[in-house]
Amino acid sequence: TPHPYFVTPIVQTDSYHLGVSATSKHIEY
C-alpha cells in the first residue's frame, strides 16, 4: 500500500550509481 503521509505525500528514492574516477588514465574508455 502507498507510503503514508501527514500533509504531502513524499518518498525519497535513488540508489547506487556508477562513477568514473577523475584520476583514471582512461576516462574515455
Full PDB file with SEQRES, HELIX, SHEET, SSBOND, CRYST1, ORIGX, SCALE, CONECT and MASTER records, all heavy atoms in Angstrom:
SEQRES   1 A   29  THR PRO HIS PRO TYR PHE VAL THR PRO ILE VAL GLN THR          
SEQRES   2 A   29  ASP SER TYR HIS LEU GLY VAL SER ALA THR SER LYS HIS          
SEQRES   3 A   29  ILE GLU TYR                                                  
CRYST1    1.000    1.000    1.000  90.00  90.00  90.00 P 1           1          
ORIGX1      1.000000  0.000000  0.000000        0.00000                         
ORIGX2      0.000000  1.000000  0.000000        0.00000                         
ORIGX3      0.000000  0.000000  1.000000        0.00000                         
SCALE1      1.000000  0.000000  0.000000        0.00000                         
SCALE2      0.000000  1.000000  0.000000        0.00000                         
SCALE3      0.000000  0.000000  1.000000        0.00000                         
ATOM      1  N   THR A   1       0.859  -1.182   0.000  1.00  0.00           N  
ATOM      2  CA  THR A   1       0.000   0.000   0.000  1.00  0.00           C  
ATOM      3  C   THR A   1       0.897   1.235   0.000  1.00  0.00           C  
ATOM      4  O   THR A   1       2.030   1.179   0.491  1.00  0.00           O  
ATOM      5  CB  THR A   1      -0.943  -0.014   1.224  1.00  0.00           C  
ATOM      6  OG1 THR A   1      -1.906   1.046   1.115  1.00  0.00           O  
ATOM      7  CG2 THR A   1      -0.189   0.134   2.524  1.00  0.00           C  
ATOM      8  N   PRO A   2       0.428   2.342  -0.568  1.00  0.00           N  
ATOM      9  CA  PRO A   2       1.298   3.519  -0.690  1.00  0.00           C  
ATOM     10  C   PRO A   2       1.829   4.030   0.641  1.00  0.00           C  
ATOM     11  O   PRO A   2       1.241   3.833   1.704  1.00  0.00           O  
ATOM     12  CB  PRO A   2       0.377   4.562  -1.337  1.00  0.00           C  
ATOM     13  CG  PRO A   2      -0.632   3.762  -2.087  1.00  0.00           C  
ATOM     14  CD  PRO A   2      -0.863   2.546  -1.242  1.00  0.00           C  
ATOM     15  N   HIS A   3       2.969   4.686   0.546  1.00  0.00           N  
ATOM     16  CA  HIS A   3       3.629   5.304   1.697  1.00  0.00           C  
ATOM     17  C   HIS A   3       2.656   6.277   2.382  1.00  0.00           C  
ATOM     18  O   HIS A   3       2.082   7.146   1.724  1.00  0.00           O  
ATOM     19  CB  HIS A   3       4.858   6.056   1.208  1.00  0.00           C  
ATOM     20  CG  HIS A   3       5.863   6.378   2.260  1.00  0.00           C  
ATOM     21  ND1 HIS A   3       5.553   7.080   3.409  1.00  0.00           N  
ATOM     22  CD2 HIS A   3       7.189   6.095   2.346  1.00  0.00           C  
ATOM     23  CE1 HIS A   3       6.641   7.218   4.138  1.00  0.00           C  
ATOM     24  NE2 HIS A   3       7.653   6.629   3.519  1.00  0.00           N  
ATOM     25  N   PRO A   4       2.449   6.178   3.693  1.00  0.00           N  
ATOM     26  CA  PRO A   4       1.587   7.132   4.383  1.00  0.00           C  
ATOM     27  C   PRO A   4       2.233   8.510   4.494  1.00  0.00           C  
ATOM     28  O   PRO A   4       3.435   8.662   4.255  1.00  0.00           O  
ATOM     29  CB  PRO A   4       1.401   6.497   5.764  1.00  0.00           C  
ATOM     30  CG  PRO A   4       2.600   5.625   5.950  1.00  0.00           C  
ATOM     31  CD  PRO A   4       2.986   5.148   4.589  1.00  0.00           C  
ATOM     32  N   TYR A   5       1.452   9.505   4.854  1.00  0.00           N  
ATOM     33  CA  TYR A   5       1.955  10.883   4.930  1.00  0.00           C  
ATOM     34  C   TYR A   5       1.106  11.686   5.906  1.00  0.00           C  
ATOM     35  O   TYR A   5       0.039  11.234   6.347  1.00  0.00           O  
ATOM     36  CB  TYR A   5       1.916  11.533   3.541  1.00  0.00           C  
ATOM     37  CG  TYR A   5       0.511  11.727   2.996  1.00  0.00           C  
ATOM     38  CD1 TYR A   5      -0.134  12.952   3.112  1.00  0.00           C  
ATOM     39  CD2 TYR A   5      -0.176  10.672   2.389  1.00  0.00           C  
ATOM     40  CE1 TYR A   5      -1.425  13.127   2.633  1.00  0.00           C  
ATOM     41  CE2 TYR A   5      -1.462  10.834   1.911  1.00  0.00           C  
ATOM     42  CZ  TYR A   5      -2.090  12.062   2.026  1.00  0.00           C  
ATOM     43  OH  TYR A   5      -3.369  12.235   1.561  1.00  0.00           O  
ATOM     44  N   PHE A   6       1.574  12.877   6.259  1.00  0.00           N  
ATOM     45  CA  PHE A   6       0.810  13.797   7.097  1.00  0.00           C  
ATOM     46  C   PHE A   6       0.064  14.827   6.250  1.00  0.00           C  
ATOM     47  O   PHE A   6      -1.151  14.910   6.276  1.00  0.00           O  
ATOM     48  CB  PHE A   6       1.729  14.523   8.081  1.00  0.00           C  
ATOM     49  CG  PHE A   6       2.264  13.651   9.174  1.00  0.00           C  
ATOM     50  CD1 PHE A   6       3.627  13.384   9.256  1.00  0.00           C  
ATOM     51  CD2 PHE A   6       1.434  13.079  10.111  1.00  0.00           C  
ATOM     52  CE1 PHE A   6       4.137  12.579  10.255  1.00  0.00           C  
ATOM     53  CE2 PHE A   6       1.933  12.260  11.120  1.00  0.00           C  
ATOM     54  CZ  PHE A   6       3.294  12.016  11.194  1.00  0.00           C  
ATOM     55  N   VAL A   7       0.814  15.626   5.495  1.00  0.00           N  
ATOM     56  CA  VAL A   7       0.235  16.700   4.678  1.00  0.00           C  
ATOM     57  C   VAL A   7       0.481  16.463   3.193  1.00  0.00           C  
ATOM     58  O   VAL A   7      -0.432  16.567   2.383  1.00  0.00           O  
ATOM     59  CB  VAL A   7       0.819  18.070   5.088  1.00  0.00           C  
ATOM     60  CG1 VAL A   7       0.311  19.176   4.163  1.00  0.00           C  
ATOM     61  CG2 VAL A   7       0.476  18.380   6.545  1.00  0.00           C  
ATOM     62  N   THR A   8       1.717  16.132   2.845  1.00  0.00           N  
ATOM     63  CA  THR A   8       2.110  15.972   1.440  1.00  0.00           C  
ATOM     64  C   THR A   8       2.792  14.633   1.223  1.00  0.00           C  
ATOM     65  O   THR A   8       3.793  14.340   1.880  1.00  0.00           O  
ATOM     66  CB  THR A   8       3.085  17.090   1.028  1.00  0.00           C  
ATOM     67  OG1 THR A   8       2.519  18.365   1.353  1.00  0.00           O  
ATOM     68  CG2 THR A   8       3.355  17.027  -0.472  1.00  0.00           C  
ATOM     69  N   PRO A   9       2.287  13.812   0.306  1.00  0.00           N  
ATOM     70  CA  PRO A   9       2.977  12.553   0.008  1.00  0.00           C  
ATOM     71  C   PRO A   9       4.382  12.826  -0.527  1.00  0.00           C  
ATOM     72  O   PRO A   9       4.570  13.680  -1.387  1.00  0.00           O  
ATOM     73  CB  PRO A   9       2.098  11.909  -1.071  1.00  0.00           C  
ATOM     74  CG  PRO A   9       0.753  12.534  -0.894  1.00  0.00           C  
ATOM     75  CD  PRO A   9       1.040  13.946  -0.472  1.00  0.00           C  
ATOM     76  N   ILE A  10       5.352  12.102  -0.020  1.00  0.00           N  
ATOM     77  CA  ILE A  10       6.735  12.264  -0.448  1.00  0.00           C  
ATOM     78  C   ILE A  10       7.486  10.971  -0.183  1.00  0.00           C  
ATOM     79  O   ILE A  10       7.313  10.354   0.874  1.00  0.00           O  
ATOM     80  CB  ILE A  10       7.416  13.450   0.272  1.00  0.00           C  
ATOM     81  CG1 ILE A  10       8.866  13.627  -0.200  1.00  0.00           C  
ATOM     82  CG2 ILE A  10       7.350  13.279   1.789  1.00  0.00           C  
ATOM     83  CD1 ILE A  10       9.525  14.892   0.342  1.00  0.00           C  
ATOM     84  N   VAL A  11       8.274  10.535  -1.144  1.00  0.00           N  
ATOM     85  CA  VAL A  11       9.080   9.324  -0.980  1.00  0.00           C  
ATOM     86  C   VAL A  11      10.468   9.585  -1.559  1.00  0.00           C  
ATOM     87  O   VAL A  11      10.615   9.888  -2.739  1.00  0.00           O  
ATOM     88  CB  VAL A  11       8.442   8.103  -1.676  1.00  0.00           C  
ATOM     89  CG1 VAL A  11       9.364   6.892  -1.583  1.00  0.00           C  
ATOM     90  CG2 VAL A  11       7.091   7.781  -1.036  1.00  0.00           C  
ATOM     91  N   GLN A  12      11.462   9.461  -0.720  1.00  0.00           N  
ATOM     92  CA  GLN A  12      12.841   9.652  -1.151  1.00  0.00           C  
ATOM     93  C   GLN A  12      13.328   8.395  -1.881  1.00  0.00           C  
ATOM     94  O   GLN A  12      13.104   7.279  -1.415  1.00  0.00           O  
ATOM     95  CB  GLN A  12      13.736   9.944   0.048  1.00  0.00           C  
ATOM     96  CG  GLN A  12      13.320  11.195   0.804  1.00  0.00           C  
ATOM     97  CD  GLN A  12      14.133  11.422   2.055  1.00  0.00           C  
ATOM     98  OE1 GLN A  12      14.566  12.518   2.315  1.00  0.00           O  
ATOM     99  NE2 GLN A  12      14.326  10.376   2.835  1.00  0.00           N  
ATOM    100  N   THR A  13      13.991   8.606  -3.001  1.00  0.00           N  
ATOM    101  CA  THR A  13      14.405   7.470  -3.812  1.00  0.00           C  
ATOM    102  C   THR A  13      15.895   7.555  -4.122  1.00  0.00           C  
ATOM    103  O   THR A  13      16.664   8.106  -3.360  1.00  0.00           O  
ATOM    104  CB  THR A  13      13.580   7.421  -5.114  1.00  0.00           C  
ATOM    105  OG1 THR A  13      13.799   8.625  -5.856  1.00  0.00           O  
ATOM    106  CG2 THR A  13      12.097   7.290  -4.818  1.00  0.00           C  
ATOM    107  N   ASP A  14      16.302   7.014  -5.264  1.00  0.00           N  
ATOM    108  CA  ASP A  14      17.676   6.934  -5.736  1.00  0.00           C  
ATOM    109  C   ASP A  14      18.392   5.747  -5.075  1.00  0.00           C  
ATOM    110  O   ASP A  14      17.908   5.182  -4.095  1.00  0.00           O  
ATOM    111  CB  ASP A  14      18.447   8.226  -5.497  1.00  0.00           C  
ATOM    112  CG  ASP A  14      19.659   8.364  -6.415  1.00  0.00           C  
ATOM    113  OD1 ASP A  14      19.820   7.513  -7.304  1.00  0.00           O  
ATOM    114  OD2 ASP A  14      20.429   9.315  -6.241  1.00  0.00           O  
ATOM    115  N   SER A  15      19.529   5.370  -5.634  1.00  0.00           N  
ATOM    116  CA  SER A  15      20.229   4.185  -5.147  1.00  0.00           C  
ATOM    117  C   SER A  15      21.694   4.262  -5.552  1.00  0.00           C  
ATOM    118  O   SER A  15      22.281   5.330  -5.551  1.00  0.00           O  
ATOM    119  CB  SER A  15      19.563   2.923  -5.700  1.00  0.00           C  
ATOM    120  OG  SER A  15      20.062   1.768  -5.059  1.00  0.00           O  
ATOM    121  N   TYR A  16      22.274   3.106  -5.923  1.00  0.00           N  
ATOM    122  CA  TYR A  16      23.669   3.063  -6.341  1.00  0.00           C  
ATOM    123  C   TYR A  16      23.852   3.737  -7.702  1.00  0.00           C  
ATOM    124  O   TYR A  16      22.977   3.685  -8.563  1.00  0.00           O  
ATOM    125  CB  TYR A  16      24.154   1.627  -6.479  1.00  0.00           C  
ATOM    126  CG  TYR A  16      23.824   0.727  -5.335  1.00  0.00           C  
ATOM    127  CD1 TYR A  16      22.804  -0.208  -5.448  1.00  0.00           C  
ATOM    128  CD2 TYR A  16      24.535   0.789  -4.140  1.00  0.00           C  
ATOM    129  CE1 TYR A  16      22.498  -1.054  -4.401  1.00  0.00           C  
ATOM    130  CE2 TYR A  16      24.238  -0.055  -3.092  1.00  0.00           C  
ATOM    131  CZ  TYR A  16      23.211  -0.975  -3.222  1.00  0.00           C  
ATOM    132  OH  TYR A  16      22.897  -1.810  -2.202  1.00  0.00           O  
ATOM    133  N   HIS A  17      25.038   4.319  -7.908  1.00  0.00           N  
ATOM    134  CA  HIS A  17      25.402   4.893  -9.199  1.00  0.00           C  
ATOM    135  C   HIS A  17      26.750   4.320  -9.639  1.00  0.00           C  
ATOM    136  O   HIS A  17      27.532   3.835  -8.819  1.00  0.00           O  
ATOM    137  CB  HIS A  17      25.529   6.414  -9.102  1.00  0.00           C  
ATOM    138  CG  HIS A  17      24.219   7.128  -9.002  1.00  0.00           C  
ATOM    139  ND1 HIS A  17      23.784   8.038  -9.942  1.00  0.00           N  
ATOM    140  CD2 HIS A  17      23.233   7.063  -8.070  1.00  0.00           C  
ATOM    141  CE1 HIS A  17      22.601   8.508  -9.590  1.00  0.00           C  
ATOM    142  NE2 HIS A  17      22.252   7.931  -8.463  1.00  0.00           N  
ATOM    143  N   LEU A  18      27.013   4.419 -10.921  1.00  0.00           N  
ATOM    144  CA  LEU A  18      28.322   4.100 -11.472  1.00  0.00           C  
ATOM    145  C   LEU A  18      29.054   5.400 -11.753  1.00  0.00           C  
ATOM    146  O   LEU A  18      28.519   6.294 -12.412  1.00  0.00           O  
ATOM    147  CB  LEU A  18      28.187   3.293 -12.766  1.00  0.00           C  
ATOM    148  CG  LEU A  18      27.935   1.790 -12.613  1.00  0.00           C  
ATOM    149  CD1 LEU A  18      27.589   1.178 -13.966  1.00  0.00           C  
ATOM    150  CD2 LEU A  18      29.153   1.091 -12.021  1.00  0.00           C  
ATOM    151  N   GLY A  19      30.267   5.512 -11.257  1.00  0.00           N  
ATOM    152  CA  GLY A  19      31.067   6.702 -11.482  1.00  0.00           C  
ATOM    153  C   GLY A  19      32.415   6.352 -12.081  1.00  0.00           C  
ATOM    154  O   GLY A  19      32.863   5.200 -12.027  1.00  0.00           O  
ATOM    155  N   VAL A  20      33.061   7.345 -12.658  1.00  0.00           N  
ATOM    156  CA  VAL A  20      34.399   7.194 -13.230  1.00  0.00           C  
ATOM    157  C   VAL A  20      35.359   8.071 -12.450  1.00  0.00           C  
ATOM    158  O   VAL A  20      35.083   9.255 -12.215  1.00  0.00           O  
ATOM    159  CB  VAL A  20      34.412   7.580 -14.722  1.00  0.00           C  
ATOM    160  CG1 VAL A  20      35.847   7.623 -15.252  1.00  0.00           C  
ATOM    161  CG2 VAL A  20      33.571   6.604 -15.535  1.00  0.00           C  
ATOM    162  N   SER A  21      36.463   7.510 -12.037  1.00  0.00           N  
ATOM    163  CA  SER A  21      37.440   8.262 -11.259  1.00  0.00           C  
ATOM    164  C   SER A  21      38.046   9.385 -12.087  1.00  0.00           C  
ATOM    165  O   SER A  21      38.456   9.190 -13.235  1.00  0.00           O  
ATOM    166  CB  SER A  21      38.553   7.329 -10.774  1.00  0.00           C  
ATOM    167  OG  SER A  21      39.603   8.073 -10.198  1.00  0.00           O  
ATOM    168  N   ALA A  22      38.118  10.570 -11.492  1.00  0.00           N  
ATOM    169  CA  ALA A  22      38.738  11.705 -12.173  1.00  0.00           C  
ATOM    170  C   ALA A  22      40.240  11.505 -12.363  1.00  0.00           C  
ATOM    171  O   ALA A  22      40.861  12.175 -13.184  1.00  0.00           O  
ATOM    172  CB  ALA A  22      38.486  12.987 -11.387  1.00  0.00           C  
ATOM    173  N   THR A  23      40.823  10.604 -11.591  1.00  0.00           N  
ATOM    174  CA  THR A  23      42.257  10.330 -11.714  1.00  0.00           C  
ATOM    175  C   THR A  23      42.557   9.131 -12.622  1.00  0.00           C  
ATOM    176  O   THR A  23      43.705   8.722 -12.757  1.00  0.00           O  
ATOM    177  CB  THR A  23      42.881  10.079 -10.330  1.00  0.00           C  
ATOM    178  OG1 THR A  23      42.165   9.035  -9.669  1.00  0.00           O  
ATOM    179  CG2 THR A  23      42.827  11.338  -9.486  1.00  0.00           C  
ATOM    180  N   SER A  24      41.516   8.583 -13.234  1.00  0.00           N  
ATOM    181  CA  SER A  24      41.723   7.485 -14.180  1.00  0.00           C  
ATOM    182  C   SER A  24      42.522   7.989 -15.382  1.00  0.00           C  
ATOM    183  O   SER A  24      42.322   9.101 -15.863  1.00  0.00           O  
ATOM    184  CB  SER A  24      40.373   6.939 -14.658  1.00  0.00           C  
ATOM    185  OG  SER A  24      40.538   6.074 -15.764  1.00  0.00           O  
ATOM    186  N   LYS A  25      43.407   7.148 -15.894  1.00  0.00           N  
ATOM    187  CA  LYS A  25      44.162   7.493 -17.093  1.00  0.00           C  
ATOM    188  C   LYS A  25      43.388   7.137 -18.367  1.00  0.00           C  
ATOM    189  O   LYS A  25      43.843   7.395 -19.476  1.00  0.00           O  
ATOM    190  CB  LYS A  25      45.502   6.765 -17.087  1.00  0.00           C  
ATOM    191  CG  LYS A  25      46.434   7.195 -15.961  1.00  0.00           C  
ATOM    192  CD  LYS A  25      47.757   6.434 -16.007  1.00  0.00           C  
ATOM    193  CE  LYS A  25      48.679   6.875 -14.877  1.00  0.00           C  
ATOM    194  NZ  LYS A  25      49.971   6.134 -14.900  1.00  0.00           N  
ATOM    195  N   HIS A  26      42.194   6.536 -18.144  1.00  0.00           N  
ATOM    196  CA  HIS A  26      41.425   6.061 -19.297  1.00  0.00           C  
ATOM    197  C   HIS A  26      39.954   6.476 -19.157  1.00  0.00           C  
ATOM    198  O   HIS A  26      39.049   5.649 -19.293  1.00  0.00           O  
ATOM    199  CB  HIS A  26      41.544   4.547 -19.425  1.00  0.00           C  
ATOM    200  CG  HIS A  26      42.946   4.036 -19.433  1.00  0.00           C  
ATOM    201  ND1 HIS A  26      43.821   4.267 -20.481  1.00  0.00           N  
ATOM    202  CD2 HIS A  26      43.647   3.338 -18.493  1.00  0.00           C  
ATOM    203  CE1 HIS A  26      44.992   3.711 -20.210  1.00  0.00           C  
ATOM    204  NE2 HIS A  26      44.925   3.146 -19.015  1.00  0.00           N  
ATOM    205  N   ILE A  27      39.716   7.759 -18.894  1.00  0.00           N  
ATOM    206  CA  ILE A  27      38.356   8.246 -18.680  1.00  0.00           C  
ATOM    207  C   ILE A  27      37.471   7.982 -19.897  1.00  0.00           C  
ATOM    208  O   ILE A  27      36.298   7.619 -19.763  1.00  0.00           O  
ATOM    209  CB  ILE A  27      38.373   9.743 -18.323  1.00  0.00           C  
ATOM    210  CG1 ILE A  27      38.981   9.943 -16.924  1.00  0.00           C  
ATOM    211  CG2 ILE A  27      36.971  10.341 -18.381  1.00  0.00           C  
ATOM    212  CD1 ILE A  27      39.125  11.390 -16.506  1.00  0.00           C  
ATOM    213  N   GLU A  28      38.022   8.149 -21.083  1.00  0.00           N  
ATOM    214  CA  GLU A  28      37.237   7.947 -22.307  1.00  0.00           C  
ATOM    215  C   GLU A  28      36.680   6.523 -22.374  1.00  0.00           C  
ATOM    216  O   GLU A  28      35.485   6.313 -22.619  1.00  0.00           O  
ATOM    217  CB  GLU A  28      38.100   8.212 -23.538  1.00  0.00           C  
ATOM    218  CG  GLU A  28      37.440   7.878 -24.865  1.00  0.00           C  
ATOM    219  CD  GLU A  28      36.264   8.780 -25.205  1.00  0.00           C  
ATOM    220  OE1 GLU A  28      36.237   9.936 -24.715  1.00  0.00           O  
ATOM    221  OE2 GLU A  28      35.365   8.338 -25.959  1.00  0.00           O  
ATOM    222  N   TYR A  29      37.514   5.549 -22.126  1.00  0.00           N  
ATOM    223  CA  TYR A  29      37.069   4.158 -22.216  1.00  0.00           C  
ATOM    224  C   TYR A  29      36.237   3.757 -20.999  1.00  0.00           C  
ATOM    225  O   TYR A  29      35.302   2.957 -21.124  1.00  0.00           O  
ATOM    226  CB  TYR A  29      38.282   3.234 -22.396  1.00  0.00           C  
ATOM    227  CG  TYR A  29      38.942   3.429 -23.732  1.00  0.00           C  
ATOM    228  CD1 TYR A  29      40.052   4.277 -23.861  1.00  0.00           C  
ATOM    229  CD2 TYR A  29      38.461   2.800 -24.874  1.00  0.00           C  
ATOM    230  CE1 TYR A  29      40.654   4.487 -25.094  1.00  0.00           C  
ATOM    231  CE2 TYR A  29      39.061   3.008 -26.115  1.00  0.00           C  
ATOM    232  CZ  TYR A  29      40.149   3.853 -26.218  1.00  0.00           C  
ATOM    233  OH  TYR A  29      40.739   4.063 -27.443  1.00  0.00           O  
TER     234      TYR A  29                                                      
MASTER        0    0    0    0    0    0    0    6  233    1    0    3          
END                                                                             
